[in-house]
N, C-alpha and C. Protein backbone atom coordinates (compact mmCIF):
# COMPACT_ATOMS: atom_id res chain seq x y z
N MET A 1 8.23 0.31 -20.16
CA MET A 1 8.09 0.03 -18.76
C MET A 1 6.99 1.04 -18.14
N GLU A 2 6.18 0.22 -17.52
CA GLU A 2 5.02 1.09 -16.96
C GLU A 2 5.58 1.86 -15.56
N LYS A 3 5.18 3.03 -15.45
CA LYS A 3 5.57 4.07 -14.35
C LYS A 3 4.96 3.68 -13.00
N GLU A 4 5.76 3.31 -12.05
CA GLU A 4 5.22 2.89 -10.75
C GLU A 4 4.57 4.20 -9.93
N THR A 5 3.51 3.95 -9.47
CA THR A 5 2.78 5.18 -8.61
C THR A 5 2.22 4.46 -7.46
N PHE A 6 1.98 5.32 -6.48
CA PHE A 6 1.44 5.08 -5.30
C PHE A 6 0.14 4.32 -5.38
N GLY A 7 -0.73 4.85 -6.16
CA GLY A 7 -1.97 4.31 -6.56
C GLY A 7 -1.77 2.88 -7.16
N LYS A 8 -1.08 2.68 -8.15
CA LYS A 8 -0.95 1.39 -8.84
C LYS A 8 -0.35 0.34 -7.71
N ILE A 9 0.44 0.62 -6.78
CA ILE A 9 1.13 -0.14 -5.86
C ILE A 9 0.00 -0.67 -4.77
N LEU A 10 -0.76 0.47 -4.43
CA LEU A 10 -1.77 0.37 -3.35
C LEU A 10 -2.87 -0.72 -3.77
N LYS A 11 -3.16 -0.53 -5.28
CA LYS A 11 -4.21 -1.44 -5.82
C LYS A 11 -3.58 -2.77 -5.79
N GLU A 12 -2.52 -2.91 -6.22
CA GLU A 12 -1.73 -4.28 -6.36
C GLU A 12 -1.84 -4.97 -5.13
N LEU A 13 -1.45 -4.27 -3.98
CA LEU A 13 -1.10 -4.89 -2.64
C LEU A 13 -2.67 -5.25 -2.19
N ARG A 14 -3.47 -4.31 -2.34
CA ARG A 14 -5.00 -4.59 -1.85
C ARG A 14 -5.45 -5.94 -2.58
N GLU A 15 -5.42 -5.84 -3.87
CA GLU A 15 -5.92 -7.05 -4.56
C GLU A 15 -5.01 -8.38 -4.33
N LYS A 16 -3.88 -8.40 -4.08
CA LYS A 16 -3.01 -9.55 -3.55
C LYS A 16 -3.72 -9.98 -2.32
N LYS A 17 -3.98 -9.12 -1.44
CA LYS A 17 -4.54 -9.47 -0.40
C LYS A 17 -5.98 -9.94 -0.33
N GLY A 18 -6.56 -9.81 -1.40
CA GLY A 18 -8.05 -10.17 -1.80
C GLY A 18 -8.86 -9.35 -0.97
N LEU A 19 -8.74 -7.98 -0.82
CA LEU A 19 -9.53 -7.08 -0.10
C LEU A 19 -10.25 -6.24 -1.12
N THR A 20 -11.43 -5.74 -0.84
CA THR A 20 -12.06 -4.74 -1.42
C THR A 20 -11.80 -3.42 -0.85
N LEU A 21 -12.21 -2.23 -1.63
CA LEU A 21 -11.77 -1.00 -0.94
C LEU A 21 -12.71 -0.89 0.33
N ARG A 22 -13.89 -1.30 0.42
CA ARG A 22 -14.64 -1.41 1.56
C ARG A 22 -14.08 -2.10 2.86
N GLN A 23 -13.44 -3.26 2.41
CA GLN A 23 -12.64 -4.02 3.56
C GLN A 23 -11.39 -3.26 4.03
N LEU A 24 -10.65 -2.67 3.00
CA LEU A 24 -9.49 -1.98 3.46
C LEU A 24 -9.85 -0.78 4.26
N GLU A 25 -10.90 -0.06 3.88
CA GLU A 25 -11.44 0.97 4.74
C GLU A 25 -11.72 0.52 6.22
N LYS A 26 -12.30 -0.60 6.40
CA LYS A 26 -12.48 -1.05 7.60
C LYS A 26 -11.12 -1.46 8.48
N GLU A 27 -10.13 -1.89 7.61
CA GLU A 27 -9.04 -2.30 8.23
C GLU A 27 -8.03 -0.87 8.64
N LEU A 28 -8.21 -0.03 7.90
CA LEU A 28 -7.25 1.08 8.00
C LEU A 28 -7.96 2.12 9.17
N ARG A 29 -9.48 1.98 9.07
CA ARG A 29 -10.07 2.87 9.91
C ARG A 29 -10.20 4.33 9.92
N GLU A 30 -9.21 5.02 9.28
CA GLU A 30 -9.14 6.52 9.28
C GLU A 30 -9.38 7.04 7.90
N VAL A 31 -9.86 6.17 6.73
CA VAL A 31 -9.92 6.69 5.55
C VAL A 31 -11.25 5.91 5.08
N THR A 32 -11.99 6.81 4.15
CA THR A 32 -13.14 6.01 3.49
C THR A 32 -12.77 5.31 2.13
N PHE A 33 -13.48 4.37 1.89
CA PHE A 33 -13.42 3.72 0.43
C PHE A 33 -13.23 4.47 -0.67
N ALA A 34 -14.13 5.64 -0.53
CA ALA A 34 -14.09 6.71 -1.77
C ALA A 34 -12.63 7.41 -1.81
N TYR A 35 -12.06 7.61 -0.73
CA TYR A 35 -10.78 8.19 -0.60
C TYR A 35 -9.88 7.21 -1.11
N LEU A 36 -9.91 6.00 -0.74
CA LEU A 36 -8.90 4.90 -1.07
C LEU A 36 -8.90 4.81 -2.62
N SER A 37 -10.25 4.97 -3.20
CA SER A 37 -10.35 4.88 -4.77
C SER A 37 -9.71 5.86 -5.31
N GLN A 38 -9.77 7.14 -4.89
CA GLN A 38 -9.05 8.29 -5.31
C GLN A 38 -7.53 7.96 -5.29
N LEU A 39 -7.03 7.48 -4.20
CA LEU A 39 -5.73 7.24 -4.09
C LEU A 39 -5.28 6.17 -5.22
N GLU A 40 -6.06 5.23 -5.43
CA GLU A 40 -5.74 4.35 -6.28
C GLU A 40 -5.78 4.79 -7.93
N VAL A 41 -6.49 5.66 -8.17
CA VAL A 41 -6.53 6.23 -9.64
C VAL A 41 -5.67 7.44 -9.64
N GLY A 42 -5.15 7.94 -8.58
CA GLY A 42 -4.10 9.26 -8.60
C GLY A 42 -4.75 10.44 -8.50
N ILE A 43 -6.08 10.47 -8.08
CA ILE A 43 -6.76 11.89 -8.09
C ILE A 43 -6.24 12.65 -6.84
N ALA A 44 -5.91 11.71 -5.69
CA ALA A 44 -5.56 12.12 -4.27
C ALA A 44 -4.09 11.56 -3.97
N LYS A 45 -3.43 12.42 -3.07
CA LYS A 45 -2.22 11.94 -2.73
C LYS A 45 -2.24 11.70 -1.03
N PRO A 46 -1.79 10.64 -0.52
CA PRO A 46 -1.66 10.41 0.97
C PRO A 46 -0.82 11.29 1.73
N SER A 47 -1.10 11.43 2.95
CA SER A 47 -0.29 12.06 3.77
C SER A 47 0.91 11.18 4.16
N GLU A 48 2.18 11.60 4.54
CA GLU A 48 3.09 10.73 4.87
C GLU A 48 2.71 9.67 5.92
N ASP A 49 2.18 10.02 6.88
CA ASP A 49 1.52 9.11 8.04
C ASP A 49 0.72 7.99 7.43
N LEU A 50 -0.33 8.34 6.63
CA LEU A 50 -1.10 7.48 5.83
C LEU A 50 -0.37 6.52 4.95
N ALA A 51 0.57 7.12 4.22
CA ALA A 51 1.49 6.09 3.34
C ALA A 51 2.30 5.01 4.17
N ARG A 52 2.82 5.55 5.22
CA ARG A 52 3.42 4.66 6.34
C ARG A 52 2.52 3.57 6.82
N LYS A 53 1.35 4.09 7.19
CA LYS A 53 0.20 2.97 7.76
C LYS A 53 -0.11 1.94 6.85
N ILE A 54 -0.04 2.40 5.58
CA ILE A 54 -0.58 1.35 4.42
C ILE A 54 0.62 0.51 4.37
N ALA A 55 1.92 1.02 4.18
CA ALA A 55 2.99 0.30 4.06
C ALA A 55 3.11 -0.73 5.22
N LYS A 56 2.97 -0.36 6.41
CA LYS A 56 3.08 -1.30 7.34
C LYS A 56 1.76 -2.49 7.40
N PHE A 57 0.71 -2.02 7.19
CA PHE A 57 -0.38 -2.97 6.81
C PHE A 57 -0.13 -4.11 5.95
N PHE A 58 0.55 -3.54 4.82
CA PHE A 58 0.80 -4.62 3.75
C PHE A 58 2.16 -5.12 3.78
N GLY A 59 2.92 -4.82 4.94
CA GLY A 59 4.28 -5.34 4.99
C GLY A 59 5.29 -4.91 3.72
N TYR A 60 5.07 -3.61 3.37
CA TYR A 60 5.67 -3.06 1.98
C TYR A 60 6.74 -2.00 2.49
N ASP A 61 7.61 -1.89 1.67
CA ASP A 61 8.75 -0.98 1.95
C ASP A 61 8.08 0.50 2.30
N GLU A 62 8.29 0.89 3.54
CA GLU A 62 7.78 2.26 3.93
C GLU A 62 8.35 3.29 3.13
N GLU A 63 9.59 3.53 2.96
CA GLU A 63 10.29 4.55 2.28
C GLU A 63 9.91 4.66 0.87
N LYS A 64 9.82 3.51 0.30
CA LYS A 64 9.44 3.65 -1.30
C LYS A 64 8.04 3.94 -1.28
N LEU A 65 7.14 3.60 -0.40
CA LEU A 65 5.85 4.15 -0.73
C LEU A 65 5.63 5.34 -0.11
N VAL A 66 6.30 6.00 0.83
CA VAL A 66 6.27 7.23 1.10
C VAL A 66 6.76 8.37 -0.09
N PHE A 67 7.95 7.76 -0.79
CA PHE A 67 8.50 8.45 -1.83
C PHE A 67 7.48 8.50 -3.04
N LEU A 68 6.82 7.50 -3.37
CA LEU A 68 5.96 7.32 -4.33
C LEU A 68 4.53 8.38 -4.06
N ALA A 69 4.45 8.58 -2.76
CA ALA A 69 3.16 9.40 -2.32
C ALA A 69 3.49 10.85 -2.45
N ARG A 70 4.67 11.35 -2.57
CA ARG A 70 5.00 12.75 -2.69
C ARG A 70 4.92 13.27 -3.90
N ASP A 71 4.70 14.41 -4.08
CA ASP A 71 4.44 15.04 -5.27
C ASP A 71 5.67 15.62 -5.76
N ILE A 72 6.56 14.69 -6.42
CA ILE A 72 7.81 14.93 -6.82
C ILE A 72 7.92 15.01 -8.57
N PRO A 73 8.47 16.02 -9.00
CA PRO A 73 8.52 15.98 -10.48
C PRO A 73 8.97 14.61 -11.11
N ALA A 74 8.62 14.25 -12.21
CA ALA A 74 8.89 12.93 -12.81
C ALA A 74 10.32 12.85 -13.04
N GLN A 75 10.97 13.87 -13.37
CA GLN A 75 12.31 13.79 -13.82
C GLN A 75 13.23 13.27 -12.65
N ILE A 76 12.90 13.97 -11.54
CA ILE A 76 13.47 13.33 -10.09
C ILE A 76 13.27 12.10 -9.76
N LYS A 77 11.99 11.57 -10.24
CA LYS A 77 11.73 10.27 -9.79
C LYS A 77 12.64 9.24 -10.64
N GLU A 78 12.60 9.68 -11.93
CA GLU A 78 13.59 8.77 -12.79
C GLU A 78 15.19 8.79 -12.23
N ILE A 79 15.67 9.99 -11.79
CA ILE A 79 16.99 9.89 -11.33
C ILE A 79 17.19 8.86 -10.02
N LYS A 80 16.23 8.83 -9.32
CA LYS A 80 15.92 8.08 -8.03
C LYS A 80 15.93 6.57 -8.38
N LYS A 81 15.52 6.18 -9.38
CA LYS A 81 15.68 4.84 -9.81
C LYS A 81 17.03 4.34 -10.10
């Protein structure tokens, strides 16, 4: 089973909505497409506020996205499931 990450979910949500990174940049207005790309590949972690804003934009579970955005050890994430 593939591990769920903030980046994978962000990319899935973006692609389902048919948006490019540049289009999402324009929708969110406070982040660049380069930063969004870093989020998707796991190089960067969003703030809690940004994770909530993204969840609201896509109509996704806010708490789940915020949880995945945090830097929590993998063992604890497994317990949460």
